[in-house]
Protein backbone atom coordinates (compact mmCIF):
# COMPACT_ATOMS: atom_id res chain seq x y z
CA MET A 1 35.25 -27.09 -28.97
CA ASP A 2 34.44 -23.09 -28.28
CA GLN A 3 34.04 -22.98 -24.69
CA LEU A 4 35.54 -20.07 -23.18
CA ARG A 5 37.99 -20.40 -19.98
CA LEU A 6 39.62 -17.29 -18.68
CA LEU A 7 41.79 -16.85 -15.37
CA ALA A 8 42.22 -13.74 -13.62
CA VAL A 9 45.17 -12.61 -11.66
CA ASP A 10 45.16 -9.30 -11.98
CA ALA A 11 43.05 -6.11 -12.54
CA GLU A 12 43.72 -5.90 -16.38
CA ASP A 13 42.60 -10.00 -16.50
CA LEU A 14 39.49 -8.84 -14.13
CA ALA A 15 38.73 -6.40 -16.96
CA ILE A 16 38.72 -9.07 -19.68
CA VAL A 17 36.37 -11.49 -17.51
CA SER A 18 34.31 -8.50 -16.89
CA ALA A 19 33.58 -8.08 -20.42
CA HIS A 20 32.86 -11.36 -21.09
CA CYS A 21 30.70 -11.59 -18.25
CA GLN A 22 28.28 -8.21 -19.04
CA ASP A 23 24.58 -8.27 -19.05
CA ALA A 24 25.09 -11.97 -17.60
CA VAL A 25 21.85 -13.10 -16.17
CA ILE A 26 22.06 -14.33 -12.61
CA ARG A 27 19.16 -15.61 -10.26
CA VAL A 28 19.82 -14.44 -6.51
CA GLU A 29 19.90 -18.79 -5.62
CA GLU A 30 23.00 -18.78 -7.72
CA LEU A 31 25.19 -16.73 -5.47
CA HIS A 32 27.12 -18.69 -2.95
CA TYR A 33 29.54 -17.67 -0.40
CA ALA A 34 31.37 -20.14 1.55
CA PRO A 35 33.40 -18.57 4.12
CA GLY A 36 35.58 -21.79 5.47
CA GLU A 37 36.53 -22.02 1.53
CA LYS A 38 37.43 -18.43 1.14
CA LYS A 39 35.60 -19.08 -2.11
CA PHE A 40 32.35 -17.12 -3.96
CA VAL A 41 30.81 -18.45 -6.79
CA VAL A 42 28.35 -17.42 -9.22
CA GLU A 43 26.64 -19.16 -11.82
CA MET A 44 24.95 -17.37 -14.46
CA ASN A 45 23.81 -16.93 -18.28
CA ARG A 46 25.98 -14.62 -20.02
CA PHE A 47 25.72 -13.45 -23.16
CA VAL A 48 28.26 -14.18 -25.67
CA TRP A 49 29.84 -11.05 -26.91
CA GLU A 50 32.72 -12.50 -28.44
CA LYS A 51 30.21 -14.18 -31.21
CA LEU A 52 28.45 -10.68 -31.87
CA VAL A 53 28.81 -10.19 -35.66
CA ALA A 54 27.97 -6.79 -37.38
CA PRO A 55 24.20 -7.01 -38.19
CA LYS A 56 23.33 -7.97 -41.94
CA ARG A 57 20.59 -5.99 -43.59
CA PHE A 58 17.10 -6.39 -42.33
CA SER A 59 15.03 -9.23 -43.43
CA LEU A 60 11.86 -10.08 -42.24
CA PHE A 61 12.89 -14.30 -42.88
CA ARG A 62 16.40 -14.10 -40.89
CA ARG A 63 17.18 -12.36 -37.45
CA PRO A 64 20.16 -11.98 -36.09
CA ASP A 65 21.38 -15.22 -33.96
CA TYR A 66 22.60 -13.98 -30.34
CA GLU A 67 23.79 -16.48 -28.55
CA ARG A 68 23.93 -17.35 -24.40
CA ARG A 69 25.61 -20.06 -22.18
CA ARG A 70 25.87 -21.47 -19.07
CA ALA A 71 28.64 -20.47 -17.25
CA ILE A 72 30.60 -20.40 -14.04
CA LEU A 73 32.27 -17.54 -12.57
CA HIS A 74 34.36 -18.19 -9.48
CA PHE A 75 36.55 -16.46 -6.96
CA ASP A 76 39.08 -17.80 -4.46
CA ARG A 77 40.61 -16.29 -1.47
CA VAL A 78 37.56 -14.55 -0.40
CA THR A 79 37.77 -12.93 3.12
CA ALA A 80 34.20 -11.15 3.04
CA ALA A 81 31.04 -10.75 1.22
CA ALA A 82 28.66 -7.99 1.69
CA ARG A 83 25.51 -7.30 -0.77
CA LEU A 84 23.55 -4.19 -1.46
CA GLY A 85 20.48 -3.72 -3.09
CA PHE A 86 18.55 -7.06 -2.86
CA ASP A 87 17.10 -9.75 -0.40
CA ARG A 88 19.53 -12.87 -0.30
CA LEU A 89 16.30 -14.75 0.41
CA ALA A 90 14.50 -13.76 -2.55
CA GLU A 91 15.86 -16.58 -4.32
CA ASP A 92 13.87 -16.04 -7.21
CA ASP A 93 14.94 -12.79 -8.50
CA VAL A 94 16.95 -11.74 -11.31
CA LEU A 95 20.38 -9.80 -11.09
CA VAL A 96 21.97 -8.62 -14.51
CA LEU A 97 25.75 -7.94 -14.04
CA LEU A 98 26.85 -5.03 -15.69
CA ALA A 99 31.01 -4.75 -14.41
CA ILE A 100 33.42 -6.37 -12.39
CA ARG A 101 35.78 -4.09 -10.54
CA PHE A 102 38.97 -4.18 -8.61
CA GLU A 103 39.36 -1.51 -5.49
CA GLU A 104 42.97 -1.92 -4.59
CA GLY A 105 43.56 -2.18 -1.04
CA GLU A 106 46.90 -3.27 0.39
CA ALA A 107 49.04 -4.50 -2.56
CA PRO A 108 47.68 -7.29 -3.84
CA SER A 109 44.75 -6.92 -1.38
CA GLY A 110 41.70 -5.33 -2.50
CA ALA A 111 37.96 -5.08 -3.46
CA VAL A 112 36.24 -6.93 -5.66
CA GLU A 113 32.60 -5.31 -6.86
CA LEU A 114 29.85 -7.27 -9.21
CA VAL A 115 27.77 -4.26 -10.33
CA PHE A 116 24.51 -5.15 -11.31
CA ALA A 117 21.92 -3.25 -13.08
CA GLY A 118 19.39 -1.24 -10.75
CA GLY A 119 22.56 -0.15 -8.35
CA SER A 120 22.82 -3.39 -6.31
CA ALA A 121 26.09 -4.74 -6.03
CA ILE A 122 28.38 -7.50 -4.56
CA ARG A 123 31.65 -6.25 -2.59
CA LEU A 124 33.73 -9.31 -2.28
CA GLU A 125 37.04 -8.88 0.10
CA VAL A 126 40.17 -10.58 -1.62
CA GLU A 127 43.37 -11.23 -0.34
CA VAL A 128 44.44 -11.15 -4.20
CA ILE A 129 42.72 -11.28 -7.61
CA GLU A 130 42.30 -14.73 -8.09
CA ALA A 131 39.07 -15.99 -10.61
CA GLN A 132 37.82 -18.37 -12.92
CA LEU A 133 35.19 -17.83 -15.94
CA ALA A 134 34.34 -20.76 -17.47
CA ASP A 135 31.47 -22.06 -19.75
CA VAL A 136 29.72 -24.90 -18.62
CA GLY A 137 27.17 -26.32 -21.05
CA GLY A 138 25.96 -25.67 -24.41
CA ALA A 139 24.76 -22.68 -26.37
CA TRP A 140 21.16 -21.39 -26.91
CA GLY A 141 20.05 -18.93 -29.13
CA THR A 142 18.08 -15.52 -28.29
CA LEU A 143 16.44 -13.03 -30.08
CA ALA A 144 17.24 -10.30 -28.05
CA ARG A 145 20.83 -8.50 -27.72
CA PRO A 146 21.50 -6.31 -24.50
CA ASP A 147 21.11 -2.69 -25.48
CA HIS A 148 23.07 0.09 -23.80
CA ARG A 149 22.26 2.86 -25.59
CA ALA A 150 20.62 5.38 -23.60
């Protein structure tokens, strides 16, 4: 069983979760905030960076095997959530997650920022960092690898 399961309880842990979520694709309708439960949940198709191997010599018959997995990112102890740069009613719009950052407030509270391509973001005010990332389904192959060379 090679499904990823991570827990973040501090900024260092959250940076590891961020690395595993980089380039995840998320439909707007897959963002869920439950203020009464102090929870924020993100369903995503994450790129499996941890299985990326160095490309082999070019071949017309064999392409690199990249992989995506269905995953859930879950934040607890969220006291507020705000969005920037996208319409929450445009449920079919797709966001590409670039990074997850933590801005410390009065310790241990602060703000978790989910930064998306194109300048959009979500800011979660949290009592403390408490996040979980878990793969929830099988993997599927993709020919596309995110490219960050500019």
